[in-house]
N, C-alpha and C. Protein backbone atom coordinates (compact mmCIF):
# COMPACT_ATOMS: atom_id res chain seq x y z
N MET A 1 0.84 -1.20 0.00
CA MET A 1 0.00 0.00 0.00
C MET A 1 0.88 1.26 0.00
N THR A 2 0.59 2.16 -0.90
CA THR A 2 1.36 3.39 -1.00
C THR A 2 0.95 4.37 0.08
N ASP A 3 1.94 4.94 0.77
CA ASP A 3 1.64 5.93 1.79
C ASP A 3 1.06 7.18 1.14
N PRO A 4 0.07 7.82 1.77
CA PRO A 4 -0.49 9.05 1.21
C PRO A 4 0.54 10.17 1.20
N ILE A 5 0.42 11.03 0.25
CA ILE A 5 1.33 12.17 0.16
C ILE A 5 1.01 13.13 1.29
N PRO A 6 2.00 13.52 2.08
CA PRO A 6 1.75 14.45 3.19
C PRO A 6 1.11 15.75 2.71
N GLN A 7 0.22 16.32 3.51
CA GLN A 7 -0.45 17.55 3.14
C GLN A 7 0.54 18.68 2.90
N ALA A 8 1.61 18.70 3.68
CA ALA A 8 2.62 19.75 3.50
C ALA A 8 3.23 19.71 2.11
N VAL A 9 3.39 18.52 1.57
CA VAL A 9 3.95 18.38 0.22
C VAL A 9 2.94 18.86 -0.82
N LEU A 10 1.68 18.50 -0.64
CA LEU A 10 0.63 18.95 -1.55
C LEU A 10 0.50 20.48 -1.51
N ASP A 11 0.57 21.05 -0.30
CA ASP A 11 0.49 22.50 -0.17
C ASP A 11 1.66 23.18 -0.87
N ALA A 12 2.85 22.60 -0.71
CA ALA A 12 4.04 23.18 -1.35
C ALA A 12 3.91 23.16 -2.87
N ALA A 13 3.33 22.08 -3.39
CA ALA A 13 3.13 21.99 -4.85
C ALA A 13 2.15 23.06 -5.32
N ASP A 14 1.08 23.28 -4.55
CA ASP A 14 0.12 24.32 -4.91
C ASP A 14 0.75 25.70 -4.85
N MET A 15 1.53 25.95 -3.81
CA MET A 15 2.17 27.26 -3.66
C MET A 15 3.15 27.52 -4.80
N SER A 16 3.86 26.47 -5.22
CA SER A 16 4.78 26.61 -6.34
C SER A 16 4.03 26.91 -7.63
N GLU A 17 2.90 26.22 -7.85
CA GLU A 17 2.11 26.45 -9.06
C GLU A 17 1.54 27.88 -9.08
N ILE A 18 1.07 28.35 -7.93
CA ILE A 18 0.53 29.71 -7.87
C ILE A 18 1.63 30.74 -8.12
N THR A 19 2.80 30.53 -7.54
CA THR A 19 3.93 31.43 -7.76
C THR A 19 4.28 31.52 -9.23
N GLN A 20 4.35 30.37 -9.89
CA GLN A 20 4.67 30.36 -11.33
C GLN A 20 3.55 30.99 -12.15
N LEU A 21 2.31 30.83 -11.70
CA LEU A 21 1.17 31.45 -12.38
C LEU A 21 1.32 32.97 -12.39
N ILE A 22 1.63 33.56 -11.24
CA ILE A 22 1.76 35.01 -11.14
C ILE A 22 2.96 35.50 -11.95
N LEU A 23 4.09 34.80 -11.83
CA LEU A 23 5.28 35.19 -12.59
C LEU A 23 5.04 35.10 -14.09
N THR A 24 4.32 34.06 -14.50
CA THR A 24 4.02 33.90 -15.92
C THR A 24 3.16 35.04 -16.44
N GLU A 25 2.10 35.37 -15.67
CA GLU A 25 1.20 36.45 -16.11
C GLU A 25 1.95 37.77 -16.24
N ARG A 26 2.80 38.09 -15.27
CA ARG A 26 3.52 39.37 -15.30
C ARG A 26 4.59 39.38 -16.39
N GLU A 27 5.30 38.27 -16.55
CA GLU A 27 6.31 38.20 -17.61
C GLU A 27 5.67 38.36 -18.99
N CYS A 28 4.55 37.68 -19.19
CA CYS A 28 3.86 37.77 -20.48
C CYS A 28 3.34 39.18 -20.72
N ARG A 29 2.92 39.85 -19.66
CA ARG A 29 2.48 41.25 -19.79
C ARG A 29 3.62 42.12 -20.30
N ASP A 30 4.81 41.92 -19.75
CA ASP A 30 5.96 42.74 -20.13
C ASP A 30 6.47 42.41 -21.54
N LEU A 31 6.38 41.14 -21.93
CA LEU A 31 6.96 40.70 -23.20
C LEU A 31 5.96 40.63 -24.34
N GLY A 32 4.70 40.95 -24.04
CA GLY A 32 3.70 40.94 -25.10
C GLY A 32 3.29 39.55 -25.55
N ARG A 33 3.35 38.58 -24.67
CA ARG A 33 2.90 37.22 -24.99
C ARG A 33 1.43 37.10 -24.57
N TRP A 34 0.58 37.69 -25.37
CA TRP A 34 -0.79 37.94 -24.97
C TRP A 34 -1.63 36.68 -24.79
N GLN A 35 -1.48 35.72 -25.67
CA GLN A 35 -2.29 34.50 -25.55
C GLN A 35 -1.93 33.73 -24.28
N ARG A 36 -0.66 33.65 -24.00
CA ARG A 36 -0.21 32.96 -22.78
C ARG A 36 -0.65 33.73 -21.54
N MET A 37 -0.60 35.05 -21.61
CA MET A 37 -1.07 35.88 -20.50
C MET A 37 -2.55 35.61 -20.23
N ALA A 38 -3.35 35.56 -21.29
CA ALA A 38 -4.79 35.34 -21.14
C ALA A 38 -5.09 34.00 -20.48
N SER A 39 -4.25 33.01 -20.72
CA SER A 39 -4.49 31.67 -20.16
C SER A 39 -4.30 31.63 -18.65
N CYS A 40 -3.75 32.69 -18.06
CA CYS A 40 -3.54 32.74 -16.61
C CYS A 40 -4.81 33.14 -15.85
N PHE A 41 -5.79 33.71 -16.55
CA PHE A 41 -7.00 34.22 -15.92
C PHE A 41 -8.18 33.27 -16.12
N HIS A 42 -8.99 33.12 -15.08
CA HIS A 42 -10.28 32.47 -15.26
C HIS A 42 -11.17 33.39 -16.11
N PRO A 43 -12.09 32.82 -16.91
CA PRO A 43 -12.91 33.65 -17.79
C PRO A 43 -13.72 34.72 -17.06
N ASP A 44 -14.15 34.43 -15.82
CA ASP A 44 -14.97 35.39 -15.06
C ASP A 44 -14.14 36.21 -14.07
N SER A 45 -12.84 36.25 -14.25
CA SER A 45 -11.96 36.98 -13.34
C SER A 45 -12.19 38.49 -13.45
N ARG A 46 -11.73 39.21 -12.42
CA ARG A 46 -11.87 40.66 -12.38
C ARG A 46 -10.51 41.30 -12.09
N VAL A 47 -10.25 42.43 -12.76
CA VAL A 47 -9.01 43.18 -12.58
C VAL A 47 -9.38 44.64 -12.32
N LYS A 48 -8.80 45.22 -11.26
CA LYS A 48 -9.06 46.63 -10.94
C LYS A 48 -7.73 47.32 -10.66
N LEU A 49 -7.35 48.19 -11.59
CA LEU A 49 -6.09 48.92 -11.49
C LEU A 49 -6.34 50.40 -11.77
N SER A 50 -5.28 51.18 -11.77
CA SER A 50 -5.41 52.62 -11.97
C SER A 50 -6.10 52.97 -13.29
N TRP A 51 -5.86 52.17 -14.31
CA TRP A 51 -6.35 52.49 -15.65
C TRP A 51 -7.40 51.51 -16.17
N PHE A 52 -7.73 50.47 -15.38
CA PHE A 52 -8.62 49.42 -15.90
C PHE A 52 -9.50 48.85 -14.79
N ASN A 53 -10.74 48.53 -15.17
CA ASN A 53 -11.67 47.84 -14.27
C ASN A 53 -12.57 46.96 -15.14
N GLY A 54 -12.32 45.65 -15.10
CA GLY A 54 -13.10 44.74 -15.93
C GLY A 54 -12.62 43.31 -15.77
N THR A 55 -12.95 42.47 -16.73
CA THR A 55 -12.59 41.05 -16.64
C THR A 55 -11.12 40.83 -17.01
N GLY A 56 -10.62 39.66 -16.62
CA GLY A 56 -9.25 39.30 -16.99
C GLY A 56 -9.03 39.28 -18.49
N PRO A 57 -9.93 38.63 -19.27
CA PRO A 57 -9.75 38.64 -20.73
C PRO A 57 -9.75 40.06 -21.31
N LYS A 58 -10.61 40.94 -20.81
CA LYS A 58 -10.64 42.31 -21.29
C LYS A 58 -9.38 43.07 -20.87
N PHE A 59 -8.81 42.71 -19.72
CA PHE A 59 -7.56 43.31 -19.27
C PHE A 59 -6.44 43.01 -20.25
N VAL A 60 -6.41 41.80 -20.76
CA VAL A 60 -5.40 41.44 -21.76
C VAL A 60 -5.60 42.30 -23.01
N GLU A 61 -6.84 42.44 -23.44
CA GLU A 61 -7.12 43.29 -24.60
C GLU A 61 -6.70 44.74 -24.33
N GLY A 62 -6.98 45.22 -23.13
CA GLY A 62 -6.58 46.57 -22.76
C GLY A 62 -5.07 46.73 -22.73
N SER A 63 -4.36 45.70 -22.30
CA SER A 63 -2.90 45.74 -22.25
C SER A 63 -2.32 45.80 -23.67
N ILE A 64 -2.95 45.09 -24.59
CA ILE A 64 -2.53 45.16 -26.00
C ILE A 64 -2.71 46.57 -26.52
N ASP A 65 -3.85 47.17 -26.22
CA ASP A 65 -4.13 48.54 -26.66
C ASP A 65 -3.15 49.53 -26.04
N MET A 66 -2.82 49.33 -24.75
CA MET A 66 -1.87 50.22 -24.09
C MET A 66 -0.51 50.16 -24.77
N ALA A 67 -0.07 48.95 -25.14
CA ALA A 67 1.21 48.79 -25.84
C ALA A 67 1.16 49.50 -27.19
N ARG A 68 0.03 49.41 -27.87
CA ARG A 68 -0.11 50.09 -29.17
C ARG A 68 -0.06 51.60 -29.02
N ARG A 69 -0.48 52.11 -27.87
CA ARG A 69 -0.43 53.56 -27.62
C ARG A 69 0.99 54.02 -27.26
N GLY A 70 1.89 53.07 -27.10
CA GLY A 70 3.27 53.41 -26.79
C GLY A 70 3.58 53.50 -25.32
N MET A 71 2.67 53.03 -24.47
CA MET A 71 2.91 53.04 -23.03
C MET A 71 3.46 51.67 -22.63
N MET A 72 4.79 51.55 -22.64
CA MET A 72 5.46 50.26 -22.51
C MET A 72 5.89 50.00 -21.07
N ALA A 73 4.96 49.59 -20.24
CA ALA A 73 5.24 49.32 -18.83
C ALA A 73 6.04 48.03 -18.67
N LYS A 74 6.99 48.07 -17.74
CA LYS A 74 7.73 46.88 -17.32
C LYS A 74 7.64 46.79 -15.81
N HIS A 75 7.81 45.58 -15.27
CA HIS A 75 7.56 45.37 -13.85
C HIS A 75 8.75 44.71 -13.17
N ARG A 76 9.17 45.33 -12.06
CA ARG A 76 10.16 44.71 -11.17
C ARG A 76 9.40 44.10 -10.00
N LEU A 77 9.55 42.81 -9.81
CA LEU A 77 8.74 42.09 -8.84
C LEU A 77 9.55 41.63 -7.63
N GLY A 78 8.93 41.75 -6.46
CA GLY A 78 9.53 41.21 -5.24
C GLY A 78 9.11 39.75 -5.05
N PRO A 79 9.58 39.11 -3.98
CA PRO A 79 9.18 37.72 -3.70
C PRO A 79 7.68 37.62 -3.49
N ILE A 80 7.12 36.48 -3.87
CA ILE A 80 5.68 36.26 -3.79
C ILE A 80 5.35 35.45 -2.55
N GLY A 81 4.46 36.00 -1.71
CA GLY A 81 3.96 35.27 -0.56
C GLY A 81 2.60 34.68 -0.88
N VAL A 82 2.41 33.40 -0.60
CA VAL A 82 1.16 32.72 -0.93
C VAL A 82 0.51 32.21 0.36
N ARG A 83 -0.78 32.51 0.53
CA ARG A 83 -1.56 32.00 1.66
C ARG A 83 -2.66 31.11 1.10
N LEU A 84 -2.60 29.84 1.45
CA LEU A 84 -3.55 28.84 0.95
C LEU A 84 -4.78 28.73 1.84
N ALA A 85 -5.93 28.46 1.20
CA ALA A 85 -7.17 28.18 1.93
C ALA A 85 -7.99 27.21 1.07
N GLY A 86 -7.59 25.95 1.08
CA GLY A 86 -8.27 24.96 0.26
C GLY A 86 -8.04 25.21 -1.22
N HIS A 87 -9.13 25.41 -1.97
CA HIS A 87 -9.03 25.66 -3.39
C HIS A 87 -8.96 27.16 -3.71
N ARG A 88 -8.76 27.97 -2.69
CA ARG A 88 -8.55 29.39 -2.88
C ARG A 88 -7.22 29.78 -2.25
N ALA A 89 -6.62 30.86 -2.76
CA ALA A 89 -5.36 31.33 -2.21
C ALA A 89 -5.18 32.80 -2.56
N VAL A 90 -4.41 33.49 -1.71
CA VAL A 90 -4.05 34.89 -1.94
C VAL A 90 -2.54 34.96 -2.14
N ALA A 91 -2.13 35.60 -3.22
CA ALA A 91 -0.71 35.82 -3.49
C ALA A 91 -0.44 37.32 -3.44
N SER A 92 0.60 37.70 -2.69
CA SER A 92 0.91 39.10 -2.48
C SER A 92 2.39 39.35 -2.77
N LEU A 93 2.68 40.48 -3.41
CA LEU A 93 4.07 40.80 -3.70
C LEU A 93 4.24 42.29 -3.90
N SER A 94 5.43 42.79 -3.58
CA SER A 94 5.76 44.17 -3.88
C SER A 94 6.17 44.27 -5.34
N ALA A 95 5.98 45.47 -5.93
CA ALA A 95 6.32 45.64 -7.33
C ALA A 95 6.66 47.09 -7.60
N ILE A 96 7.48 47.30 -8.62
CA ILE A 96 7.74 48.63 -9.14
C ILE A 96 7.37 48.61 -10.62
N ILE A 97 6.49 49.51 -11.02
CA ILE A 97 6.05 49.61 -12.40
C ILE A 97 6.87 50.71 -13.06
N ASP A 98 7.70 50.35 -14.03
CA ASP A 98 8.54 51.31 -14.74
C ASP A 98 7.91 51.62 -16.10
N ILE A 99 7.74 52.91 -16.39
CA ILE A 99 7.17 53.32 -17.66
C ILE A 99 8.01 54.44 -18.25
N PRO A 100 8.70 54.21 -19.37
CA PRO A 100 9.44 55.28 -20.03
C PRO A 100 8.50 56.15 -20.85
N GLU A 101 8.81 57.43 -20.95
CA GLU A 101 7.96 58.35 -21.73
C GLU A 101 8.81 59.54 -22.17
N VAL A 102 8.31 60.28 -23.13
CA VAL A 102 8.93 61.53 -23.57
C VAL A 102 7.93 62.65 -23.33
N ILE A 103 8.31 63.61 -22.49
CA ILE A 103 7.45 64.75 -22.17
C ILE A 103 8.20 66.03 -22.55
N SER A 104 7.61 66.81 -23.40
CA SER A 104 8.25 68.05 -23.86
C SER A 104 9.67 67.80 -24.38
N GLU A 105 9.81 66.70 -25.13
CA GLU A 105 11.06 66.30 -25.77
C GLU A 105 12.13 65.82 -24.77
N ILE A 106 11.74 65.60 -23.52
CA ILE A 106 12.66 65.10 -22.51
C ILE A 106 12.31 63.65 -22.18
N GLU A 107 13.32 62.76 -22.24
CA GLU A 107 13.11 61.36 -21.89
C GLU A 107 13.01 61.23 -20.37
N VAL A 108 11.93 60.63 -19.90
CA VAL A 108 11.73 60.44 -18.47
C VAL A 108 11.33 58.99 -18.19
N GLN A 109 11.41 58.62 -16.91
CA GLN A 109 10.91 57.31 -16.50
C GLN A 109 10.12 57.43 -15.21
N LEU A 110 8.92 56.94 -15.26
CA LEU A 110 8.07 56.81 -14.08
C LEU A 110 8.39 55.50 -13.37
N SER A 111 8.50 55.54 -12.06
CA SER A 111 8.62 54.33 -11.25
C SER A 111 7.53 54.39 -10.19
N SER A 112 6.54 53.52 -10.32
CA SER A 112 5.41 53.49 -9.40
C SER A 112 5.55 52.29 -8.48
N HIS A 113 5.66 52.57 -7.17
CA HIS A 113 5.84 51.51 -6.17
C HIS A 113 4.46 51.05 -5.68
N ALA A 114 4.26 49.74 -5.66
CA ALA A 114 2.93 49.21 -5.36
C ALA A 114 3.04 47.83 -4.72
N ARG A 115 1.88 47.33 -4.27
CA ARG A 115 1.76 45.93 -3.84
C ARG A 115 0.64 45.31 -4.64
N PHE A 116 0.97 44.20 -5.31
CA PHE A 116 0.00 43.47 -6.11
C PHE A 116 -0.66 42.40 -5.25
N LEU A 117 -1.97 42.26 -5.39
CA LEU A 117 -2.74 41.25 -4.67
C LEU A 117 -3.52 40.41 -5.67
N PHE A 118 -3.18 39.15 -5.75
CA PHE A 118 -3.85 38.22 -6.65
C PHE A 118 -4.67 37.22 -5.84
N ARG A 119 -5.95 37.12 -6.17
CA ARG A 119 -6.78 36.06 -5.61
C ARG A 119 -6.88 34.95 -6.65
N THR A 120 -6.51 33.74 -6.26
CA THR A 120 -6.46 32.63 -7.21
C THR A 120 -7.37 31.49 -6.75
N GLU A 121 -7.84 30.73 -7.72
CA GLU A 121 -8.70 29.57 -7.43
C GLU A 121 -8.25 28.37 -8.24
N LYS A 122 -8.40 27.20 -7.63
CA LYS A 122 -8.11 25.95 -8.32
C LYS A 122 -9.41 25.37 -8.86
N ARG A 123 -9.52 25.34 -10.17
CA ARG A 123 -10.71 24.81 -10.83
C ARG A 123 -10.30 23.69 -11.79
N ASP A 124 -10.98 22.57 -11.69
CA ASP A 124 -10.67 21.42 -12.55
C ASP A 124 -9.19 21.06 -12.47
N GLY A 125 -8.64 21.14 -11.25
CA GLY A 125 -7.25 20.73 -11.03
C GLY A 125 -6.21 21.74 -11.46
N ARG A 126 -6.63 22.97 -11.81
CA ARG A 126 -5.69 23.97 -12.33
C ARG A 126 -5.92 25.30 -11.63
N TRP A 127 -4.82 25.94 -11.19
CA TRP A 127 -4.90 27.24 -10.56
C TRP A 127 -4.99 28.34 -11.62
N GLY A 128 -5.85 29.33 -11.36
CA GLY A 128 -5.97 30.48 -12.24
C GLY A 128 -6.27 31.72 -11.43
N ILE A 129 -6.08 32.88 -12.03
CA ILE A 129 -6.32 34.15 -11.36
C ILE A 129 -7.81 34.49 -11.40
N SER A 130 -8.38 34.80 -10.23
CA SER A 130 -9.78 35.21 -10.14
C SER A 130 -9.93 36.72 -9.96
N PHE A 131 -9.00 37.33 -9.21
CA PHE A 131 -9.01 38.77 -9.00
C PHE A 131 -7.57 39.27 -8.98
N PHE A 132 -7.38 40.47 -9.52
CA PHE A 132 -6.08 41.13 -9.48
C PHE A 132 -6.32 42.58 -9.06
N ASP A 133 -5.77 42.95 -7.88
CA ASP A 133 -5.90 44.29 -7.35
C ASP A 133 -4.52 44.86 -7.05
N CYS A 134 -4.47 46.18 -6.91
CA CYS A 134 -3.20 46.85 -6.65
C CYS A 134 -3.36 47.86 -5.53
N LEU A 135 -2.40 47.87 -4.63
CA LEU A 135 -2.34 48.85 -3.55
C LEU A 135 -1.18 49.78 -3.86
N TYR A 136 -1.46 51.06 -4.05
CA TYR A 136 -0.45 52.02 -4.49
C TYR A 136 0.26 52.66 -3.30
N LEU A 137 1.58 52.72 -3.37
CA LEU A 137 2.40 53.23 -2.26
C LEU A 137 2.92 54.63 -2.53
N ARG A 138 3.67 54.80 -3.61
CA ARG A 138 4.23 56.10 -3.98
C ARG A 138 4.78 55.98 -5.39
N ASP A 139 5.09 57.11 -6.00
CA ASP A 139 5.76 57.05 -7.30
C ASP A 139 6.71 58.22 -7.47
N GLU A 140 7.54 58.12 -8.50
CA GLU A 140 8.58 59.12 -8.72
C GLU A 140 8.84 59.24 -10.22
N LEU A 141 9.35 60.37 -10.63
CA LEU A 141 9.65 60.61 -12.04
C LEU A 141 11.06 61.16 -12.15
N THR A 142 11.88 60.52 -12.97
CA THR A 142 13.26 60.93 -13.18
C THR A 142 13.53 61.08 -14.67
N THR A 143 14.57 61.83 -14.99
CA THR A 143 14.96 61.96 -16.39
C THR A 143 15.95 60.86 -16.74
N ALA A 144 15.95 60.47 -18.01
CA ALA A 144 16.85 59.41 -18.46
C ALA A 144 18.30 59.88 -18.45
N ILE A 145 18.51 61.19 -18.64
CA ILE A 145 19.86 61.75 -18.65
C ILE A 145 20.04 62.62 -17.41
N PRO A 146 21.00 62.30 -16.54
CA PRO A 146 21.21 63.08 -15.31
C PRO A 146 21.49 64.55 -15.62
N GLY A 147 20.99 65.41 -14.72
CA GLY A 147 21.27 66.84 -14.84
C GLY A 147 20.22 67.62 -15.59
N ILE A 148 19.26 66.92 -16.20
CA ILE A 148 18.18 67.59 -16.92
C ILE A 148 16.96 67.67 -16.01
N SER A 149 16.29 68.79 -16.02
CA SER A 149 15.12 68.98 -15.16
C SER A 149 13.92 68.19 -15.69
N VAL A 150 13.14 67.66 -14.75
CA VAL A 150 11.91 66.95 -15.10
C VAL A 150 10.88 67.99 -15.59
N PRO A 151 10.29 67.78 -16.76
CA PRO A 151 9.37 68.78 -17.33
C PRO A 151 7.95 68.64 -16.81
N VAL A 152 7.81 68.50 -15.48
CA VAL A 152 6.50 68.36 -14.84
C VAL A 152 6.49 69.26 -13.61
N THR A 153 5.41 69.97 -13.40
CA THR A 153 5.32 70.89 -12.27
C THR A 153 4.39 70.38 -11.19
N PHE A 154 4.44 71.03 -10.04
CA PHE A 154 3.53 70.69 -8.95
C PHE A 154 2.08 70.86 -9.39
N GLU A 155 1.81 71.90 -10.16
CA GLU A 155 0.45 72.15 -10.63
C GLU A 155 -0.04 71.03 -11.54
N ASP A 156 0.87 70.45 -12.32
CA ASP A 156 0.50 69.33 -13.19
C ASP A 156 0.00 68.14 -12.37
N LEU A 157 0.62 67.91 -11.21
CA LEU A 157 0.33 66.73 -10.39
C LEU A 157 -0.73 66.98 -9.33
N LYS A 158 -1.03 68.24 -9.07
CA LYS A 158 -1.93 68.61 -7.98
C LYS A 158 -3.30 67.92 -8.03
N PRO A 159 -3.89 67.65 -9.21
CA PRO A 159 -5.22 67.03 -9.23
C PRO A 159 -5.26 65.57 -8.80
N PHE A 160 -4.08 64.94 -8.63
CA PHE A 160 -4.06 63.49 -8.47
C PHE A 160 -3.67 63.06 -7.06
N ARG A 161 -4.04 61.81 -6.72
CA ARG A 161 -3.74 61.21 -5.41
C ARG A 161 -2.24 61.09 -5.18
N LYS A 162 -1.80 61.37 -3.96
CA LYS A 162 -0.37 61.37 -3.63
C LYS A 162 0.29 60.02 -3.89
N SER A 163 -0.39 58.92 -3.58
CA SER A 163 0.25 57.61 -3.68
C SER A 163 0.44 57.13 -5.12
N TYR A 164 -0.28 57.73 -6.07
CA TYR A 164 -0.04 57.38 -7.48
C TYR A 164 -0.31 58.57 -8.39
N ARG A 165 0.22 59.72 -7.98
CA ARG A 165 -0.07 60.95 -8.73
C ARG A 165 0.69 61.03 -10.05
N VAL A 166 1.95 60.60 -10.07
CA VAL A 166 2.70 60.66 -11.33
C VAL A 166 2.15 59.63 -12.32
N LEU A 167 1.82 58.46 -11.82
CA LEU A 167 1.20 57.45 -12.67
C LEU A 167 -0.10 57.98 -13.27
N SER A 168 -0.92 58.61 -12.45
CA SER A 168 -2.18 59.16 -12.94
C SER A 168 -1.94 60.24 -14.00
N TYR A 169 -0.95 61.08 -13.75
CA TYR A 169 -0.61 62.13 -14.71
C TYR A 169 -0.18 61.51 -16.05
N MET A 170 0.68 60.50 -15.99
CA MET A 170 1.16 59.84 -17.21
C MET A 170 0.02 59.18 -17.96
N LEU A 171 -0.89 58.56 -17.21
CA LEU A 171 -2.05 57.94 -17.85
C LEU A 171 -2.91 58.99 -18.56
N SER A 172 -3.07 60.13 -17.91
CA SER A 172 -3.88 61.19 -18.52
C SER A 172 -3.27 61.70 -19.82
N LEU A 173 -1.95 61.65 -19.92
CA LEU A 173 -1.29 62.06 -21.17
C LEU A 173 -1.65 61.13 -22.32
N LYS A 174 -1.96 59.87 -21.98
CA LYS A 174 -2.34 58.87 -22.98
C LYS A 174 -3.86 58.76 -23.11
N VAL A 175 -4.56 59.74 -22.59
CA VAL A 175 -6.03 59.85 -22.69
C VAL A 175 -6.73 58.73 -21.92
N TYR A 176 -6.14 58.29 -20.82
CA TYR A 176 -6.82 57.41 -19.88
C TYR A 176 -7.44 58.28 -18.78
N ALA A 177 -8.51 57.79 -18.18
CA ALA A 177 -9.13 58.46 -17.04
C ALA A 177 -8.81 57.62 -15.80
N PRO A 178 -7.73 57.93 -15.08
CA PRO A 178 -7.33 57.09 -13.94
C PRO A 178 -8.36 57.08 -12.82
N ASN A 179 -8.54 55.90 -12.23
CA ASN A 179 -9.43 55.73 -11.08
C ASN A 179 -8.76 56.36 -9.85
N THR A 180 -9.43 57.32 -9.24
CA THR A 180 -8.84 58.04 -8.10
C THR A 180 -9.31 57.49 -6.75
N GLU A 181 -10.03 56.36 -6.77
CA GLU A 181 -10.60 55.83 -5.53
C GLU A 181 -10.03 54.48 -5.14
N LEU A 182 -8.84 54.16 -5.58
CA LEU A 182 -8.23 52.87 -5.29
C LEU A 182 -7.48 52.90 -3.96
N ALA A 183 -7.07 51.74 -3.51
CA ALA A 183 -6.34 51.64 -2.24
C ALA A 183 -4.95 52.27 -2.41
N GLY A 184 -4.61 53.12 -1.43
CA GLY A 184 -3.30 53.76 -1.47
C GLY A 184 -2.86 54.15 -0.08
N ASP A 185 -1.55 54.25 0.10
CA ASP A 185 -0.99 54.59 1.42
C ASP A 185 -1.43 55.96 1.92
N ASP A 186 -1.83 56.84 1.00
CA ASP A 186 -2.27 58.16 1.43
C ASP A 186 -3.66 58.13 2.06
N ARG A 187 -4.36 57.02 1.91
CA ARG A 187 -5.67 56.83 2.54
C ARG A 187 -5.69 55.45 3.21
N PRO A 188 -5.20 55.37 4.47
CA PRO A 188 -5.07 54.09 5.15
C PRO A 188 -6.37 53.29 5.21
N GLU A 189 -7.52 53.98 5.27
CA GLU A 189 -8.78 53.26 5.34
C GLU A 189 -9.05 52.45 4.08
N THR A 190 -8.54 52.93 2.93
CA THR A 190 -8.73 52.18 1.69
C THR A 190 -7.86 50.92 1.67
N VAL A 191 -6.70 51.00 2.30
CA VAL A 191 -5.82 49.83 2.40
C VAL A 191 -6.48 48.76 3.27
N ALA A 192 -7.00 49.18 4.42
CA ALA A 192 -7.66 48.24 5.33
C ALA A 192 -8.86 47.58 4.66
N ALA A 193 -9.62 48.35 3.90
CA ALA A 193 -10.81 47.81 3.23
C ALA A 193 -10.42 46.79 2.16
N LEU A 194 -9.39 47.09 1.38
CA LEU A 194 -8.96 46.16 0.35
C LEU A 194 -8.42 44.87 0.96
N MET A 195 -7.62 44.99 2.00
CA MET A 195 -7.07 43.80 2.64
C MET A 195 -8.18 42.93 3.22
N ALA A 196 -9.17 43.56 3.83
CA ALA A 196 -10.30 42.81 4.39
C ALA A 196 -11.06 42.09 3.27
N GLU A 197 -11.25 42.75 2.16
CA GLU A 197 -11.96 42.14 1.03
C GLU A 197 -11.18 40.96 0.46
N VAL A 198 -9.89 41.16 0.22
CA VAL A 198 -9.07 40.14 -0.43
C VAL A 198 -8.94 38.89 0.44
N PHE A 199 -8.55 39.07 1.70
CA PHE A 199 -8.34 37.91 2.56
C PHE A 199 -9.67 37.32 3.03
N GLY A 200 -10.70 38.16 3.17
CA GLY A 200 -12.02 37.66 3.53
C GLY A 200 -12.58 36.75 2.44
N TRP A 201 -12.31 37.06 1.18
CA TRP A 201 -12.75 36.22 0.06
C TRP A 201 -12.24 34.79 0.21
N ALA A 202 -11.01 34.65 0.72
CA ALA A 202 -10.41 33.32 0.89
C ALA A 202 -10.66 32.74 2.28
N GLY A 203 -11.32 33.52 3.17
CA GLY A 203 -11.54 33.04 4.53
C GLY A 203 -10.26 32.96 5.34
N ILE A 204 -9.33 33.89 5.08
CA ILE A 204 -8.03 33.89 5.73
C ILE A 204 -7.92 35.08 6.67
N ASP A 205 -7.37 34.83 7.86
CA ASP A 205 -7.01 35.91 8.77
C ASP A 205 -5.60 36.35 8.41
N PRO A 206 -5.40 37.55 7.85
CA PRO A 206 -4.04 37.95 7.42
C PRO A 206 -3.05 38.05 8.55
N ASP A 207 -3.53 38.20 9.79
CA ASP A 207 -2.62 38.34 10.94
C ASP A 207 -2.41 37.03 11.70
N ALA A 208 -3.01 35.95 11.22
CA ALA A 208 -2.86 34.67 11.92
C ALA A 208 -1.41 34.17 11.85
N PRO A 209 -0.91 33.53 12.92
CA PRO A 209 0.47 33.02 12.89
C PRO A 209 0.62 31.91 11.86
N ARG A 210 1.83 31.65 11.46
CA ARG A 210 2.13 30.62 10.48
C ARG A 210 1.83 29.23 11.05
């Protein structure tokens, strides 16, 4: 008689699959591998970011359109923490969204610091993304060539939220209408609400000991 596989081993396999799922989705987003990116989302998944609110499949379509507009975002990702709850799990990671742009003939780069929150589900033996949310921390704008002034003023950024004001400004240049009501460090109550929603969906206490 074969001994049953320990639960810890099964959990580790699930956590590894979820980690690879998130890395695959983000890598495909950066490299324009759209079909493979789409396969990471469940058909009824939801994505809510600064520039998008809709289903996972529509998010892929929106990402294609964003690339066509010349907004070529790349992502620097931190380690992924996975919390399992049966066939549901929450994956959390820090990220920096880098977007190069030319403003008034000056090459600049936006770096938006954030935390990505992925809610994943195992359906028919396969993990997929059910929800993708972002918690915005802060952002910054630098010139590509040192010593050149950034061609953006305080008045340009004044209409936007502190935790993602440069990102919002850059989106507005590309004729996007950024969502100003998302979770951000400048409004702690929005962070608490998002965390409660995300971990509550999985039935997880985020402060519970390991």
